[in-house]
Amino acid sequence: MRSLERIVSAYLDLAENRAERHIPMTMEKIQNEWKVLFD
């Protein structure tokens, strides 16, 4: 469970960083990144 918490936290940090830099995140990109994380 702790491992999943760290993954989610890291992903949210990434999303926040991209938002601050005005880099759009599409659902397609999000799905692809999750696939990379869990493969």
PDB file of N, CA and C in Angstrom:
ATOM      1  N   MET A   1       0.823  -1.188   0.000  1.00  0.00           N
ATOM      2  CA  MET A   1       0.000   0.000   0.000  1.00  0.00           C
ATOM      3  C   MET A   1       0.874   1.261   0.000  1.00  0.00           C
ATOM      4  N   ARG A   2       1.943   1.225   0.752  1.00  0.00           N
ATOM      5  CA  ARG A   2       2.848   2.380   0.830  1.00  0.00           C
ATOM      6  C   ARG A   2       3.472   2.665  -0.538  1.00  0.00           C
ATOM      7  N   SER A   3       3.775   1.620  -1.273  1.00  0.00           N
ATOM      8  CA  SER A   3       4.359   1.778  -2.601  1.00  0.00           C
ATOM      9  C   SER A   3       3.382   2.482  -3.543  1.00  0.00           C
ATOM     10  N   LEU A   4       2.137   2.084  -3.505  1.00  0.00           N
ATOM     11  CA  LEU A   4       1.108   2.719  -4.328  1.00  0.00           C
ATOM     12  C   LEU A   4       0.957   4.190  -3.950  1.00  0.00           C
ATOM     13  N   GLU A   5       1.007   4.472  -2.668  1.00  0.00           N
ATOM     14  CA  GLU A   5       0.900   5.854  -2.193  1.00  0.00           C
ATOM     15  C   GLU A   5       2.039   6.711  -2.752  1.00  0.00           C
ATOM     16  N   ARG A   6       3.238   6.151  -2.789  1.00  0.00           N
ATOM     17  CA  ARG A   6       4.389   6.888  -3.327  1.00  0.00           C
ATOM     18  C   ARG A   6       4.243   7.135  -4.827  1.00  0.00           C
ATOM     19  N   ILE A   7       3.734   6.144  -5.554  1.00  0.00           N
ATOM     20  CA  ILE A   7       3.534   6.293  -6.999  1.00  0.00           C
ATOM     21  C   ILE A   7       2.518   7.388  -7.283  1.00  0.00           C
ATOM     22  N   VAL A   8       1.408   7.355  -6.568  1.00  0.00           N
ATOM     23  CA  VAL A   8       0.361   8.365  -6.767  1.00  0.00           C
ATOM     24  C   VAL A   8       0.890   9.746  -6.409  1.00  0.00           C
ATOM     25  N   SER A   9       1.607   9.841  -5.331  1.00  0.00           N
ATOM     26  CA  SER A   9       2.169  11.117  -4.894  1.00  0.00           C
ATOM     27  C   SER A   9       3.145  11.670  -5.937  1.00  0.00           C
ATOM     28  N   ALA A  10       3.994  10.816  -6.466  1.00  0.00           N
ATOM     29  CA  ALA A  10       4.954  11.242  -7.486  1.00  0.00           C
ATOM     30  C   ALA A  10       4.229  11.709  -8.743  1.00  0.00           C
ATOM     31  N   TYR A  11       3.184  11.002  -9.121  1.00  0.00           N
ATOM     32  CA  TYR A  11       2.437  11.381 -10.318  1.00  0.00           C
ATOM     33  C   TYR A  11       1.736  12.721 -10.129  1.00  0.00           C
ATOM     34  N   LEU A  12       1.175  12.941  -8.951  1.00  0.00           N
ATOM     35  CA  LEU A  12       0.523  14.221  -8.678  1.00  0.00           C
ATOM     36  C   LEU A  12       1.538  15.357  -8.652  1.00  0.00           C
ATOM     37  N   ASP A  13       2.728  15.096  -8.147  1.00  0.00           N
ATOM     38  CA  ASP A  13       3.796  16.101  -8.183  1.00  0.00           C
ATOM     39  C   ASP A  13       4.157  16.442  -9.629  1.00  0.00           C
ATOM     40  N   LEU A  14       4.236  15.428 -10.473  1.00  0.00           N
ATOM     41  CA  LEU A  14       4.524  15.640 -11.885  1.00  0.00           C
ATOM     42  C   LEU A  14       3.432  16.484 -12.537  1.00  0.00           C
ATOM     43  N   ALA A  15       2.183  16.153 -12.273  1.00  0.00           N
ATOM     44  CA  ALA A  15       1.063  16.901 -12.845  1.00  0.00           C
ATOM     45  C   ALA A  15       1.084  18.354 -12.379  1.00  0.00           C
ATOM     46  N   GLU A  16       1.374  18.570 -11.113  1.00  0.00           N
ATOM     47  CA  GLU A  16       1.439  19.933 -10.582  1.00  0.00           C
ATOM     48  C   GLU A  16       2.567  20.718 -11.256  1.00  0.00           C
ATOM     49  N   ASN A  17       3.712  20.077 -11.424  1.00  0.00           N
ATOM     50  CA  ASN A  17       4.847  20.721 -12.074  1.00  0.00           C
ATOM     51  C   ASN A  17       4.507  21.110 -13.511  1.00  0.00           C
ATOM     52  N   ARG A  18       3.855  20.217 -14.222  1.00  0.00           N
ATOM     53  CA  ARG A  18       3.472  20.513 -15.606  1.00  0.00           C
ATOM     54  C   ARG A  18       2.452  21.643 -15.660  1.00  0.00           C
ATOM     55  N   ALA A  19       1.527  21.675 -14.720  1.00  0.00           N
ATOM     56  CA  ALA A  19       0.533  22.751 -14.682  1.00  0.00           C
ATOM     57  C   ALA A  19       1.209  24.098 -14.442  1.00  0.00           C
ATOM     58  N   GLU A  20       2.180  24.122 -13.550  1.00  0.00           N
ATOM     59  CA  GLU A  20       2.904  25.367 -13.274  1.00  0.00           C
ATOM     60  C   GLU A  20       3.649  25.867 -14.507  1.00  0.00           C
ATOM     61  N   ARG A  21       4.107  24.931 -15.340  1.00  0.00           N
ATOM     62  CA  ARG A  21       4.840  25.300 -16.558  1.00  0.00           C
ATOM     63  C   ARG A  21       3.909  25.409 -17.767  1.00  0.00           C
ATOM     64  N   HIS A  22       2.598  25.306 -17.530  1.00  0.00           N
ATOM     65  CA  HIS A  22       1.571  25.428 -18.576  1.00  0.00           C
ATOM     66  C   HIS A  22       1.730  24.372 -19.669  1.00  0.00           C
ATOM     67  N   ILE A  23       2.072  23.164 -19.267  1.00  0.00           N
ATOM     68  CA  ILE A  23       2.176  22.040 -20.198  1.00  0.00           C
ATOM     69  C   ILE A  23       0.887  21.225 -20.068  1.00  0.00           C
ATOM     70  N   PRO A  24       0.077  21.183 -21.131  1.00  0.00           N
ATOM     71  CA  PRO A  24      -1.196  20.464 -21.036  1.00  0.00           C
ATOM     72  C   PRO A  24      -0.993  18.953 -20.883  1.00  0.00           C
ATOM     73  N   MET A  25      -1.901  18.340 -20.151  1.00  0.00           N
ATOM     74  CA  MET A  25      -1.895  16.885 -19.986  1.00  0.00           C
ATOM     75  C   MET A  25      -3.225  16.358 -20.516  1.00  0.00           C
ATOM     76  N   THR A  26      -3.161  15.553 -21.560  1.00  0.00           N
ATOM     77  CA  THR A  26      -4.378  14.962 -22.106  1.00  0.00           C
ATOM     78  C   THR A  26      -4.618  13.598 -21.459  1.00  0.00           C
ATOM     79  N   MET A  27      -5.837  13.135 -21.548  1.00  0.00           N
ATOM     80  CA  MET A  27      -6.161  11.818 -20.992  1.00  0.00           C
ATOM     81  C   MET A  27      -5.340  10.729 -21.685  1.00  0.00           C
ATOM     82  N   GLU A  28      -5.096  10.889 -22.980  1.00  0.00           N
ATOM     83  CA  GLU A  28      -4.299   9.898 -23.710  1.00  0.00           C
ATOM     84  C   GLU A  28      -2.877   9.823 -23.148  1.00  0.00           C
ATOM     85  N   LYS A  29      -2.268  10.980 -22.892  1.00  0.00           N
ATOM     86  CA  LYS A  29      -0.918  10.993 -22.321  1.00  0.00           C
ATOM     87  C   LYS A  29      -0.911  10.385 -20.922  1.00  0.00           C
ATOM     88  N   ILE A  30      -1.931  10.705 -20.147  1.00  0.00           N
ATOM     89  CA  ILE A  30      -2.019  10.170 -18.787  1.00  0.00           C
ATOM     90  C   ILE A  30      -2.114   8.645 -18.824  1.00  0.00           C
ATOM     91  N   GLN A  31      -2.952   8.110 -19.712  1.00  0.00           N
ATOM     92  CA  GLN A  31      -3.098   6.658 -19.823  1.00  0.00           C
ATOM     93  C   GLN A  31      -1.780   6.009 -20.229  1.00  0.00           C
ATOM     94  N   ASN A  32      -1.083   6.614 -21.179  1.00  0.00           N
ATOM     95  CA  ASN A  32       0.201   6.056 -21.626  1.00  0.00           C
ATOM     96  C   ASN A  32       1.228   6.049 -20.502  1.00  0.00           C
ATOM     97  N   GLU A  33       1.254   7.120 -19.713  1.00  0.00           N
ATOM     98  CA  GLU A  33       2.215   7.187 -18.615  1.00  0.00           C
ATOM     99  C   GLU A  33       1.899   6.152 -17.539  1.00  0.00           C
ATOM    100  N   TRP A  34       0.624   5.931 -17.261  1.00  0.00           N
ATOM    101  CA  TRP A  34       0.253   4.914 -16.276  1.00  0.00           C
ATOM    102  C   TRP A  34       0.644   3.527 -16.771  1.00  0.00           C
ATOM    103  N   LYS A  35       0.482   3.285 -18.084  1.00  0.00           N
ATOM    104  CA  LYS A  35       0.877   1.991 -18.647  1.00  0.00           C
ATOM    105  C   LYS A  35       2.373   1.757 -18.455  1.00  0.00           C
ATOM    106  N   VAL A  36       3.166   2.793 -18.678  1.00  0.00           N
ATOM    107  CA  VAL A  36       4.618   2.679 -18.504  1.00  0.00           C
ATOM    108  C   VAL A  36       4.950   2.366 -17.048  1.00  0.00           C
ATOM    109  N   LEU A  37       4.267   3.024 -16.122  1.00  0.00           N
ATOM    110  CA  LEU A  37       4.539   2.799 -14.703  1.00  0.00           C
ATOM    111  C   LEU A  37       4.208   1.380 -14.255  1.00  0.00           C
ATOM    112  N   PHE A  38       3.137   0.815 -14.797  1.00  0.00           N
ATOM    113  CA  PHE A  38       2.659  -0.468 -14.288  1.00  0.00           C
ATOM    114  C   PHE A  38       3.007  -1.662 -15.161  1.00  0.00           C
ATOM    115  N   ASP A  39       3.760  -1.453 -16.221  1.00  0.00           N
ATOM    116  CA  ASP A  39       4.194  -2.593 -17.050  1.00  0.00           C
ATOM    117  C   ASP A  39       5.487  -3.171 -16.548  1.00  0.00           C
TER     118      ASP A  39
END
